[in-house]
Amino acid sequence: MKKLLAASLLMCASGLLTANAKTPANTFVVAQSLDDVTSLDPAQGFELSSVQSFTNLYQRLVQSNPHKPTQLVPTLASSWQASQHSLTFTLRQGATFASGNPIRPEDVIFSLSRVVKLNLAPSFILSQLGWDKSNVDSHLHKVGPHQVKVSWNVDVGPSFVLSLLSAPVSSIVDEKTVMAHAQNDDFGHQWLNQHSAGSGPFKIKLYKPHQVLLMQANDRSPAGPPKMKYLLLKNVPDAATRELLLEQGDADLIRNLGSDQFATLQSKPGIRTEALPYASIFYLMFNTTAKNNPTLGNPKFWEAARWAFDYKGIAKDLLKGQFQVQQSFLPVGFKGALTDQPYHYDPEKAKAILKKAGITNPHFKLVVSNQPPYLDIAQALQASFAKAGIQVEVVPGVSSQVSNDVKQHHYEADLTSWGPDYFDPNTNASAFAYNPNNGSKTLAWRANWQTPELNKLTLAARAETNEAKRVEMYQQLQRKVRASSPFVLGLQNKKLVAMRDDVKGYLQGITPDMVFYQNVYK
């Protein structure tokens, strides 16, 4: 029996199943693109597939209630006490990692400090607490057998810090297991790129980049064992192939759906579709210091681009109503989000702005993921910008490569999306309106956009404790970014998924990391 199961799993992991095959009874098979994954280490992984995996492989001290995202619930912490500049957590007694090692205050200290010391993409989330390589150890202390104290020296309140500690980057890893695989003072980073050392409901059994991520049940998880023994995420870059696998029964659930596919699958027997609320903003970003294209740093060009974006045509016609127009960096559903729409598609107005500014031969190369709906949107923008006299060359690529090129500033323009890292307006404000030039790889930094005045306002809004005043400050930030920045903010989407109708217990929340497979069964 074990040999048969192993053979079945191997078939799933190494290739497509035969026509009309059925997935193994104890394995939940998901067909999606995994090409965006750069690392499975919570200290680095910042892409959609990565953070979704972290929710199932790791736990944090506190996490958002998926049914009420603004509500933080104890996870590895059983309770906490707050003061003006510190939080003292009491850990759940008896909780263990997948290795069997107990979860200790030392593991919390190690997990948070290694993020700051490695200083990889998501480290800016924790560096907002004033932490850096030189001082982070002085802010993390074991104060009892099951207690750890977290402190900070910046002007923020405990509720904001709790939000940061609920982010995927704050996942708690098993220090003993990780450090046993450390190489050249890397805090086990190379090993964690393809392995796991957490306390979540699953653990990594096999990972082959751009092919498959196979997780196995972690029966020791403090969250309780999952209902399926295996969770198999199969990389299927082609959207039509994903659709076929679901129809044939070779996959239990598929992601990365286009609107046309979603509409087609709604009428298929044995299949259930869901359009789930999602706090993801789709935007166009220009590299303001792009080599050989100085026009992209001109605010007048940014202004023209806002009138060359066919917002409603893309949201309603191309994407069949599965998107809505959202021209602010806070998604609808977040406190303080602006919902007015000051811009509309007006190519003649865009032409007039360019002419008045003396901008001739406006053009740019647009790098974009080859996955739906990104490529579809990019091609629609190519057509709408052309009518405004702006020539766009669409350059599709594998998601991970596009992401790397953008982070290295090797691009002219990028069409992508951004989802919040935690439930607080600062999560998006600190990405779109904040560039302190201290190594924090925010979106403003990726755009090479200098934001000294917005930096001050972002920090002031973060520190404000009067809720009404804080909302007003975030609305001011949204208006400033919307009016003059290298970002053209355009759309907010719903997350489209389809699954076999015998699938039960699948749960997905509003933020990118809220994908829960623990209670899935079929």
Protein backbone atom coordinates (compact mmCIF):
# COMPACT_ATOMS: atom_id res chain seq x y z
CA MET A 1 0.00 0.00 0.00
CA LYS A 2 2.81 2.42 0.90
CA LYS A 3 4.56 1.68 -2.38
CA LEU A 4 1.38 2.44 -4.32
CA LEU A 5 0.96 5.73 -2.49
CA ALA A 6 4.57 6.71 -3.10
CA ALA A 7 4.22 5.90 -6.79
CA SER A 8 1.04 7.97 -7.01
CA LEU A 9 2.66 10.96 -5.35
CA LEU A 10 5.68 10.65 -7.61
CA MET A 11 3.42 10.81 -10.65
CA CYS A 12 1.87 14.01 -9.31
CA ALA A 13 5.26 15.52 -8.56
CA SER A 14 7.06 14.64 -11.76
CA GLY A 15 4.44 15.08 -14.42
CA LEU A 16 0.79 15.34 -15.38
CA LEU A 17 -1.52 12.53 -14.46
CA THR A 18 -3.23 10.48 -17.12
CA ALA A 19 -6.53 11.64 -18.56
CA ASN A 20 -9.51 11.31 -16.22
CA ALA A 21 -7.26 10.20 -13.36
CA LYS A 22 -8.34 10.93 -9.81
CA THR A 23 -6.07 12.56 -7.27
CA PRO A 24 -4.95 10.32 -4.38
CA ALA A 25 -7.50 10.18 -1.57
CA ASN A 26 -5.08 11.49 1.04
CA THR A 27 -3.52 14.20 -1.17
CA PHE A 28 -4.92 17.61 -2.02
CA VAL A 29 -3.57 18.68 -5.42
CA VAL A 30 -3.41 22.34 -6.40
CA ALA A 31 -2.42 23.41 -9.92
CA GLN A 32 -1.05 26.95 -10.06
CA SER A 33 2.00 28.89 -11.16
CA LEU A 34 4.93 28.57 -8.75
CA ASP A 35 7.28 30.54 -10.97
CA ASP A 36 7.14 33.56 -8.66
CA VAL A 37 8.84 31.72 -5.78
CA THR A 38 12.33 33.06 -5.07
CA SER A 39 12.71 31.51 -1.61
CA LEU A 40 10.75 29.49 0.95
CA ASP A 41 12.60 31.17 3.81
CA PRO A 42 10.18 33.57 5.58
CA ALA A 43 13.07 36.02 5.90
CA GLN A 44 13.17 36.37 2.10
CA GLY A 45 10.05 34.97 0.42
CA PHE A 46 7.79 37.88 -0.43
CA GLU A 47 5.92 36.61 -3.46
CA LEU A 48 2.34 35.38 -3.59
CA SER A 49 3.10 31.65 -3.71
CA SER A 50 5.72 32.02 -0.96
CA VAL A 51 3.56 33.84 1.58
CA GLN A 52 0.64 31.47 0.95
CA SER A 53 2.98 28.58 1.75
CA PHE A 54 4.23 30.24 4.95
CA THR A 55 0.71 30.28 6.40
CA ASN A 56 0.62 26.50 6.13
CA LEU A 57 4.23 25.80 7.14
CA TYR A 58 4.74 28.28 9.97
CA GLN A 59 2.96 30.10 12.75
CA ARG A 60 3.47 33.55 14.26
CA LEU A 61 3.00 34.90 17.76
CA VAL A 62 -0.30 36.40 16.66
CA GLN A 63 -2.23 36.15 13.40
CA SER A 64 -5.28 37.74 11.82
CA ASN A 65 -8.62 36.02 12.16
CA PRO A 66 -9.39 35.13 8.51
CA HIS A 67 -13.09 35.87 9.10
CA LYS A 68 -12.33 39.23 10.79
CA PRO A 69 -8.88 40.26 9.50
CA THR A 70 -8.57 43.35 11.71
CA GLN A 71 -8.84 41.08 14.75
CA LEU A 72 -5.55 39.59 15.92
CA VAL A 73 -5.76 36.28 17.74
CA PRO A 74 -3.12 34.46 19.85
CA THR A 75 -1.27 31.75 17.94
CA LEU A 76 2.09 30.72 19.37
CA ALA A 77 1.57 33.29 22.11
CA SER A 78 -1.10 32.42 24.64
CA SER A 79 -1.26 36.00 25.93
CA TRP A 80 0.65 39.26 26.03
CA GLN A 81 1.07 42.37 28.14
CA ALA A 82 1.65 45.77 26.57
CA SER A 83 3.42 48.91 27.73
CA GLN A 84 4.27 52.08 25.83
CA HIS A 85 7.37 50.66 24.14
CA SER A 86 7.28 46.92 24.73
CA LEU A 87 5.21 43.75 24.52
CA THR A 88 5.79 40.73 26.74
CA PHE A 89 4.50 37.47 25.27
CA THR A 90 3.75 34.27 27.12
CA LEU A 91 4.22 31.30 24.80
CA ARG A 92 1.87 28.35 24.57
CA GLN A 93 3.24 25.66 26.83
CA GLY A 94 3.78 22.26 25.29
CA ALA A 95 3.88 23.65 21.74
CA THR A 96 6.47 22.05 19.47
CA PHE A 97 7.91 22.42 16.00
CA ALA A 98 7.59 19.71 13.34
CA SER A 99 10.98 18.41 14.49
CA GLY A 100 9.61 17.77 17.97
CA ASN A 101 11.72 20.57 19.46
CA PRO A 102 9.82 22.72 21.96
CA ILE A 103 8.99 26.28 20.96
CA ARG A 104 11.08 28.51 23.23
CA PRO A 105 11.62 32.23 23.77
CA GLU A 106 15.02 31.67 22.12
CA ASP A 107 13.27 30.62 18.91
CA VAL A 108 11.25 33.84 18.85
CA ILE A 109 14.38 35.92 19.41
CA PHE A 110 16.29 34.01 16.73
CA SER A 111 13.46 34.24 14.18
CA LEU A 112 12.92 37.97 14.45
CA SER A 113 16.59 38.93 14.73
CA ARG A 114 17.68 36.82 11.73
CA VAL A 115 15.19 38.70 9.52
CA VAL A 116 16.83 41.99 10.41
CA LYS A 117 20.38 40.65 10.17
CA LEU A 118 19.82 38.98 6.80
CA ASN A 119 18.25 42.25 5.56
CA LEU A 120 16.37 40.66 2.66
CA ALA A 121 13.29 42.00 0.85
CA PRO A 122 10.63 41.81 3.62
CA SER A 123 12.98 42.94 6.40
CA PHE A 124 11.69 46.51 6.07
CA ILE A 125 8.54 45.40 7.89
CA LEU A 126 10.46 44.83 11.12
CA SER A 127 12.98 47.63 10.55
CA GLN A 128 10.05 50.02 11.04
CA LEU A 129 10.59 49.36 14.74
CA GLY A 130 13.98 51.03 14.56
CA TRP A 131 15.72 47.68 14.49
CA ASP A 132 18.93 47.12 12.55
CA LYS A 133 21.83 44.68 12.66
CA SER A 134 23.56 46.61 15.39
CA ASN A 135 20.67 46.94 17.85
CA VAL A 136 18.09 44.23 17.22
CA ASP A 137 19.52 41.92 19.88
CA SER A 138 19.03 44.62 22.51
CA HIS A 139 15.28 44.69 21.77
CA LEU A 140 14.58 40.96 22.17
CA HIS A 141 14.91 39.33 25.60
CA LYS A 142 13.96 36.11 27.30
CA VAL A 143 12.30 37.13 30.59
CA GLY A 144 11.05 33.74 31.76
CA PRO A 145 10.97 30.07 30.79
CA HIS A 146 8.02 30.76 28.49
CA GLN A 147 8.19 34.54 28.12
CA VAL A 148 9.86 36.86 25.64
CA LYS A 149 9.95 40.65 25.65
CA VAL A 150 9.90 42.66 22.42
CA SER A 151 10.77 46.36 22.65
CA TRP A 152 11.28 49.27 20.24
CA ASN A 153 12.60 52.82 20.32
CA VAL A 154 10.43 54.50 17.68
CA ASP A 155 7.19 56.37 18.19
CA VAL A 156 4.61 53.65 17.55
CA GLY A 157 2.05 51.97 19.76
CA PRO A 158 1.70 48.30 20.75
CA SER A 159 -1.27 47.69 18.42
CA PHE A 160 0.84 48.65 15.40
CA VAL A 161 3.68 46.38 16.56
CA LEU A 162 1.25 43.48 16.94
CA SER A 163 0.22 44.01 13.32
CA LEU A 164 3.86 43.76 12.23
CA LEU A 165 4.32 40.58 14.23
CA SER A 166 1.35 39.05 12.39
CA ALA A 167 3.11 39.40 9.02
CA PRO A 168 4.54 36.30 7.27
CA VAL A 169 8.09 37.62 7.77
CA SER A 170 7.50 37.26 11.53
CA SER A 171 7.02 33.49 11.24
CA ILE A 172 8.74 31.62 14.07
CA VAL A 173 11.37 29.10 12.95
CA ASP A 174 13.08 26.28 14.85
CA GLU A 175 16.50 27.67 15.81
CA LYS A 176 18.06 24.29 16.60
CA THR A 177 17.05 22.75 13.27
CA VAL A 178 17.90 25.83 11.21
CA MET A 179 21.30 26.44 12.75
CA ALA A 180 22.24 22.78 12.28
CA HIS A 181 22.16 23.60 8.54
CA ALA A 182 23.83 27.03 8.68
CA GLN A 183 26.58 27.79 6.18
CA ASN A 184 29.03 30.69 6.38
CA ASP A 185 27.02 32.64 8.98
CA ASP A 186 23.86 32.61 6.82
CA PHE A 187 21.53 31.69 9.73
CA GLY A 188 20.44 28.63 7.75
CA HIS A 189 19.15 30.75 4.88
CA GLN A 190 20.36 28.55 2.03
CA TRP A 191 18.82 25.49 3.62
CA LEU A 192 15.49 27.22 4.37
CA ASN A 193 15.22 28.27 0.73
CA GLN A 194 13.98 24.75 0.01
CA HIS A 195 13.12 23.27 3.42
CA SER A 196 10.92 24.16 6.37
CA ALA A 197 11.41 24.34 10.13
CA GLY A 198 8.09 25.52 11.47
CA SER A 199 5.10 24.58 13.58
CA GLY A 200 2.37 24.98 10.97
CA PRO A 201 -0.03 22.20 9.95
CA PHE A 202 2.31 21.07 7.14
CA LYS A 203 6.05 20.63 6.57
CA ILE A 204 7.98 20.49 3.30
CA LYS A 205 8.46 16.96 2.01
CA LEU A 206 9.85 17.86 -1.43
CA TYR A 207 10.51 21.08 -3.27
CA LYS A 208 11.74 21.32 -6.84
CA PRO A 209 11.88 24.94 -8.02
CA HIS A 210 9.50 25.71 -10.89
CA GLN A 211 8.12 22.17 -10.64
CA VAL A 212 6.48 21.11 -7.40
CA LEU A 213 6.08 21.84 -3.71
CA LEU A 214 4.94 18.79 -1.77
CA MET A 215 3.97 19.27 1.87
CA GLN A 216 3.32 16.54 4.41
CA ALA A 217 1.03 16.74 7.45
CA ASN A 218 2.68 17.95 10.65
CA ASP A 219 0.80 16.00 13.28
CA ARG A 220 2.71 17.87 16.01
CA SER A 221 1.38 21.28 14.99
CA PRO A 222 -0.10 23.34 17.86
CA ALA A 223 -2.86 24.17 15.38
CA GLY A 224 -3.75 20.48 15.21
CA PRO A 225 -3.09 18.01 12.40
CA PRO A 226 -4.52 18.80 8.96
CA LYS A 227 -7.23 16.62 7.45
CA MET A 228 -5.13 15.69 4.41
CA LYS A 229 -1.82 13.84 4.72
CA TYR A 230 -0.28 15.58 1.72
CA LEU A 231 -0.65 18.96 0.06
CA LEU A 232 0.79 19.04 -3.47
CA LEU A 233 1.28 22.37 -5.23
CA LYS A 234 2.06 21.61 -8.85
CA ASN A 235 3.61 24.27 -11.07
CA VAL A 236 1.46 24.48 -14.19
CA PRO A 237 2.39 27.78 -15.91
CA ASP A 238 -0.14 27.42 -18.72
CA ALA A 239 -3.61 28.57 -17.67
CA ALA A 240 -5.42 26.38 -20.20
CA THR A 241 -3.59 23.30 -18.90
CA ARG A 242 -4.66 24.11 -15.35
CA GLU A 243 -8.25 24.31 -16.51
CA LEU A 244 -7.98 20.96 -18.28
CA LEU A 245 -6.45 19.28 -15.22
CA LEU A 246 -9.36 20.40 -13.08
CA GLU A 247 -11.95 19.24 -15.59
CA GLN A 248 -10.29 15.82 -15.84
CA GLY A 249 -10.04 15.41 -12.09
CA ASP A 250 -6.24 15.60 -12.10
CA ALA A 251 -6.33 18.61 -9.79
CA ASP A 252 -8.58 19.39 -6.83
CA LEU A 253 -8.18 23.18 -7.03
CA ILE A 254 -6.66 25.63 -9.51
CA ARG A 255 -5.45 29.21 -9.04
CA ASN A 256 -4.24 32.06 -11.28
CA LEU A 257 -7.46 32.05 -13.30
CA GLY A 258 -8.27 34.50 -16.03
CA SER A 259 -11.76 36.01 -16.22
CA ASP A 260 -12.62 34.07 -19.37
CA GLN A 261 -11.64 30.80 -17.75
CA PHE A 262 -13.59 31.64 -14.65
CA ALA A 263 -16.72 32.32 -16.69
CA THR A 264 -16.27 29.07 -18.66
CA LEU A 265 -15.76 26.93 -15.56
CA GLN A 266 -18.91 28.24 -13.92
CA SER A 267 -20.98 26.09 -16.25
CA LYS A 268 -18.86 22.92 -16.00
CA PRO A 269 -20.33 19.93 -14.15
CA GLY A 270 -18.49 18.76 -11.05
CA ILE A 271 -16.73 22.12 -10.59
CA ARG A 272 -17.32 24.97 -8.16
CA THR A 273 -15.97 28.50 -8.70
CA GLU A 274 -15.42 31.23 -6.12
CA ALA A 275 -14.66 34.94 -6.57
CA LEU A 276 -13.25 35.89 -3.19
CA PRO A 277 -12.78 39.42 -1.80
CA TYR A 278 -9.15 40.41 -2.06
CA ALA A 279 -7.12 43.43 -0.96
CA SER A 280 -4.75 43.49 -3.94
CA ILE A 281 -4.02 46.67 -5.91
CA PHE A 282 -2.89 46.45 -9.55
CA TYR A 283 -0.67 49.31 -10.64
CA LEU A 284 1.78 50.51 -13.27
CA MET A 285 5.20 51.55 -11.93
CA PHE A 286 7.90 53.53 -13.73
CA ASN A 287 11.62 53.40 -13.01
CA THR A 288 12.36 57.11 -12.58
CA THR A 289 16.07 56.67 -13.34
CA ALA A 290 15.72 54.15 -16.16
CA LYS A 291 18.83 54.02 -18.30
CA ASN A 292 18.39 55.72 -21.71
CA ASN A 293 14.80 56.77 -20.93
CA PRO A 294 14.78 59.95 -18.77
CA THR A 295 11.18 60.67 -19.71
CA LEU A 296 10.04 58.11 -17.15
CA GLY A 297 11.25 60.38 -14.35
CA ASN A 298 9.18 63.36 -15.56
CA PRO A 299 6.08 64.05 -13.41
CA LYS A 300 4.27 65.31 -16.51
CA PHE A 301 4.74 61.91 -18.12
CA TRP A 302 3.25 60.28 -14.99
CA GLU A 303 0.28 62.64 -15.27
CA ALA A 304 -0.29 61.77 -18.91
CA ALA A 305 -0.09 58.07 -18.09
CA ARG A 306 -2.99 58.46 -15.66
CA TRP A 307 -5.23 59.58 -18.52
CA ALA A 308 -3.91 56.86 -20.87
CA PHE A 309 -4.99 54.02 -18.56
CA ASP A 310 -8.34 52.57 -19.67
CA TYR A 311 -9.62 51.83 -16.16
CA LYS A 312 -13.24 50.94 -16.81
CA GLY A 313 -12.58 49.24 -20.13
CA ILE A 314 -10.14 46.85 -18.46
CA ALA A 315 -12.20 46.28 -15.30
CA LYS A 316 -15.59 45.79 -16.92
CA ASP A 317 -14.97 44.62 -20.48
CA LEU A 318 -11.63 42.80 -20.44
CA LEU A 319 -11.87 41.38 -16.92
CA LYS A 320 -15.64 40.89 -16.98
CA GLY A 321 -16.43 42.68 -13.74
CA GLN A 322 -14.09 40.58 -11.61
CA PHE A 323 -12.09 43.76 -10.96
CA GLN A 324 -13.11 47.20 -9.78
CA VAL A 325 -11.50 50.55 -10.44
CA GLN A 326 -9.44 51.66 -7.43
CA GLN A 327 -7.14 54.66 -7.88
CA SER A 328 -5.66 54.81 -4.37
CA PHE A 329 -2.98 52.68 -2.74
CA LEU A 330 -5.27 51.51 0.08
CA PRO A 331 -7.68 48.77 -1.04
CA VAL A 332 -11.39 49.00 -0.41
CA GLY A 333 -11.98 47.35 2.96
CA PHE A 334 -9.09 49.11 4.70
CA LYS A 335 -9.82 51.95 7.09
CA GLY A 336 -9.26 55.28 5.34
CA ALA A 337 -9.28 53.94 1.78
CA LEU A 338 -10.30 56.59 -0.77
CA THR A 339 -12.88 55.33 -3.25
CA ASP A 340 -13.35 58.37 -5.51
CA GLN A 341 -12.06 58.14 -9.09
CA PRO A 342 -10.58 61.45 -10.30
CA TYR A 343 -9.10 59.92 -13.48
CA HIS A 344 -10.70 58.31 -16.51
CA TYR A 345 -9.51 57.20 -19.91
CA ASP A 346 -8.88 60.32 -22.03
CA PRO A 347 -6.10 59.76 -24.61
CA GLU A 348 -6.51 63.23 -26.09
CA LYS A 349 -5.91 64.82 -22.70
CA ALA A 350 -2.82 62.65 -22.28
CA LYS A 351 -1.54 63.85 -25.66
CA ALA A 352 -2.12 67.48 -24.68
CA ILE A 353 -0.18 67.06 -21.41
CA LEU A 354 2.74 65.49 -23.26
CA LYS A 355 2.76 68.20 -25.93
CA LYS A 356 2.66 71.04 -23.39
CA ALA A 357 5.54 69.43 -21.48
CA GLY A 358 7.60 69.12 -24.66
CA ILE A 359 7.79 65.34 -24.38
CA THR A 360 8.34 63.81 -27.82
CA ASN A 361 8.39 60.13 -28.77
CA PRO A 362 7.20 58.85 -25.38
CA HIS A 363 7.78 55.12 -25.04
CA PHE A 364 8.74 52.42 -22.55
CA LYS A 365 9.30 48.70 -22.18
CA LEU A 366 6.75 47.11 -19.86
CA VAL A 367 7.92 43.98 -18.03
CA VAL A 368 5.09 41.78 -16.83
CA SER A 369 4.39 38.28 -15.57
CA ASN A 370 3.24 35.91 -18.28
CA GLN A 371 0.38 34.77 -16.01
CA PRO A 372 -3.24 35.93 -16.24
CA PRO A 373 -4.48 38.53 -15.73
CA TYR A 374 -1.19 40.47 -15.82
CA LEU A 375 -0.35 39.84 -19.46
CA ASP A 376 -3.95 40.51 -20.52
CA ILE A 377 -3.93 43.87 -18.71
CA ALA A 378 -0.52 44.77 -20.14
CA GLN A 379 -1.69 44.13 -23.69
CA ALA A 380 -4.80 46.23 -23.10
CA LEU A 381 -2.62 49.07 -21.78
CA GLN A 382 -0.40 48.75 -24.84
CA ALA A 383 -3.45 49.52 -26.98
CA SER A 384 -4.86 52.32 -24.78
CA PHE A 385 -1.48 54.05 -24.43
CA ALA A 386 -0.94 53.86 -28.18
CA LYS A 387 -4.04 56.00 -28.71
CA ALA A 388 -2.41 58.57 -26.43
CA GLY A 389 0.74 58.53 -28.57
CA ILE A 390 2.75 56.49 -26.09
CA GLN A 391 4.42 53.39 -27.52
CA VAL A 392 4.58 50.42 -25.14
CA GLU A 393 6.65 47.30 -25.74
CA VAL A 394 5.28 44.46 -23.62
CA VAL A 395 8.00 42.14 -22.31
CA PRO A 396 6.42 39.09 -20.65
CA GLY A 397 8.49 36.81 -18.44
CA VAL A 398 8.48 34.28 -15.63
CA SER A 399 7.17 35.95 -12.48
CA SER A 400 10.28 35.36 -10.38
CA GLN A 401 12.59 36.79 -13.05
CA VAL A 402 10.41 39.87 -13.52
CA SER A 403 10.40 40.39 -9.74
CA ASN A 404 14.20 40.06 -9.55
CA ASP A 405 14.73 42.49 -12.44
CA VAL A 406 12.53 45.08 -10.76
CA LYS A 407 14.31 44.71 -7.40
CA GLN A 408 17.62 45.22 -9.21
CA HIS A 409 16.25 48.27 -11.04
CA HIS A 410 16.77 46.54 -14.41
CA TYR A 411 13.49 47.68 -15.96
CA GLU A 412 11.69 50.70 -17.40
CA ALA A 413 8.12 49.97 -16.30
CA ASP A 414 6.36 47.14 -14.53
CA LEU A 415 2.73 46.09 -14.29
CA THR A 416 2.08 44.10 -11.16
CA SER A 417 0.01 43.96 -7.98
CA TRP A 418 0.60 44.63 -4.31
CA GLY A 419 -1.17 43.06 -1.36
CA PRO A 420 -0.95 44.17 2.26
CA ASP A 421 1.46 42.45 4.62
CA TYR A 422 -0.64 43.09 7.73
CA PHE A 423 -3.92 44.76 8.56
CA ASP A 424 -2.99 48.40 9.04
CA PRO A 425 -2.98 51.31 6.54
CA ASN A 426 0.74 51.71 7.10
CA THR A 427 1.38 48.45 5.26
CA ASN A 428 0.67 50.07 1.89
CA ALA A 429 1.68 53.60 2.82
CA SER A 430 5.15 52.39 3.77
CA ALA A 431 5.42 50.66 0.40
CA PHE A 432 4.13 53.34 -2.00
CA ALA A 433 5.01 56.56 -0.13
CA TYR A 434 8.16 55.75 1.83
CA ASN A 435 11.78 55.53 0.67
CA PRO A 436 14.23 56.22 3.51
CA ASN A 437 17.22 55.02 1.44
CA ASN A 438 18.39 52.85 4.30
CA GLY A 439 18.27 49.52 2.51
CA SER A 440 14.51 49.14 2.79
CA LYS A 441 13.38 47.79 -0.58
CA THR A 442 9.98 49.47 -0.66
CA LEU A 443 8.04 50.06 -3.88
CA ALA A 444 9.11 53.70 -3.87
CA TRP A 445 12.70 52.47 -3.66
CA ARG A 446 12.10 50.06 -6.55
CA ALA A 447 10.83 53.01 -8.58
CA ASN A 448 13.96 55.03 -7.62
CA TRP A 449 11.56 57.71 -6.36
CA GLN A 450 12.83 60.09 -3.68
CA THR A 451 10.12 60.93 -1.13
CA PRO A 452 11.52 63.11 1.71
CA GLU A 453 8.24 64.94 2.45
CA LEU A 454 6.13 61.81 2.17
CA ASN A 455 8.57 59.96 4.43
CA LYS A 456 7.82 62.45 7.21
CA LEU A 457 4.08 62.20 6.71
CA THR A 458 4.20 58.40 6.59
CA LEU A 459 6.10 58.25 9.88
CA ALA A 460 3.75 60.80 11.48
CA ALA A 461 0.68 58.80 10.41
CA ARG A 462 2.22 55.62 11.76
CA ALA A 463 2.83 57.23 15.14
CA GLU A 464 -0.55 58.95 15.44
CA THR A 465 -2.76 57.41 18.14
CA ASN A 466 -5.90 59.48 17.49
CA GLU A 467 -7.82 57.23 15.10
CA ALA A 468 -9.75 59.95 13.24
CA LYS A 469 -6.62 62.06 12.73
CA ARG A 470 -4.68 59.00 11.62
CA VAL A 471 -7.29 58.17 8.96
CA GLU A 472 -7.14 61.77 7.70
CA MET A 473 -3.35 61.56 7.38
CA TYR A 474 -3.53 58.35 5.34
CA GLN A 475 -6.10 59.94 3.07
CA GLN A 476 -3.73 62.87 2.56
CA LEU A 477 -0.95 60.44 1.66
CA GLN A 478 -3.18 58.67 -0.85
CA ARG A 479 -4.08 61.94 -2.57
CA LYS A 480 -0.44 62.98 -2.85
CA VAL A 481 0.69 59.65 -4.32
CA ARG A 482 -2.28 59.54 -6.66
CA ALA A 483 -1.66 63.08 -7.94
CA SER A 484 2.09 62.91 -8.59
CA SER A 485 4.11 59.73 -8.34
CA PRO A 486 5.60 57.11 -10.67
CA PHE A 487 2.65 54.86 -9.78
CA VAL A 488 -0.53 54.68 -11.82
CA LEU A 489 -2.94 52.99 -9.43
CA GLY A 490 -5.77 51.39 -11.31
CA LEU A 491 -7.55 48.26 -10.15
CA GLN A 492 -8.51 46.07 -7.21
CA ASN A 493 -9.27 42.44 -7.92
CA LYS A 494 -11.09 39.50 -6.53
CA LYS A 495 -9.22 36.23 -6.25
CA LEU A 496 -10.62 33.69 -8.66
CA VAL A 497 -10.34 30.00 -7.80
CA ALA A 498 -12.04 26.87 -9.06
CA MET A 499 -12.22 23.46 -7.40
CA ARG A 500 -13.89 20.09 -7.68
CA ASP A 501 -17.31 20.15 -6.06
CA ASP A 502 -16.32 17.49 -3.52
CA VAL A 503 -13.73 19.82 -1.94
CA LYS A 504 -14.70 20.99 1.55
CA GLY A 505 -13.08 23.23 4.12
CA TYR A 506 -11.03 25.50 1.85
CA LEU A 507 -10.55 28.91 3.45
CA GLN A 508 -9.10 32.06 1.93
CA GLY A 509 -9.03 35.51 3.49
CA ILE A 510 -8.65 39.00 2.11
CA THR A 511 -4.86 39.32 2.36
CA PRO A 512 -2.35 37.46 0.14
CA ASP A 513 -1.05 35.15 2.86
CA MET A 514 -4.50 34.04 4.04
CA VAL A 515 -4.74 30.72 2.21
CA PHE A 516 -5.56 27.91 4.62
CA TYR A 517 -5.37 24.23 3.67
CA GLN A 518 -5.46 22.79 7.19
CA ASN A 519 -9.16 21.89 7.17
CA VAL A 520 -9.45 20.92 3.50
CA TYR A 521 -10.83 17.48 2.73
CA LYS A 522 -12.66 15.75 -0.10
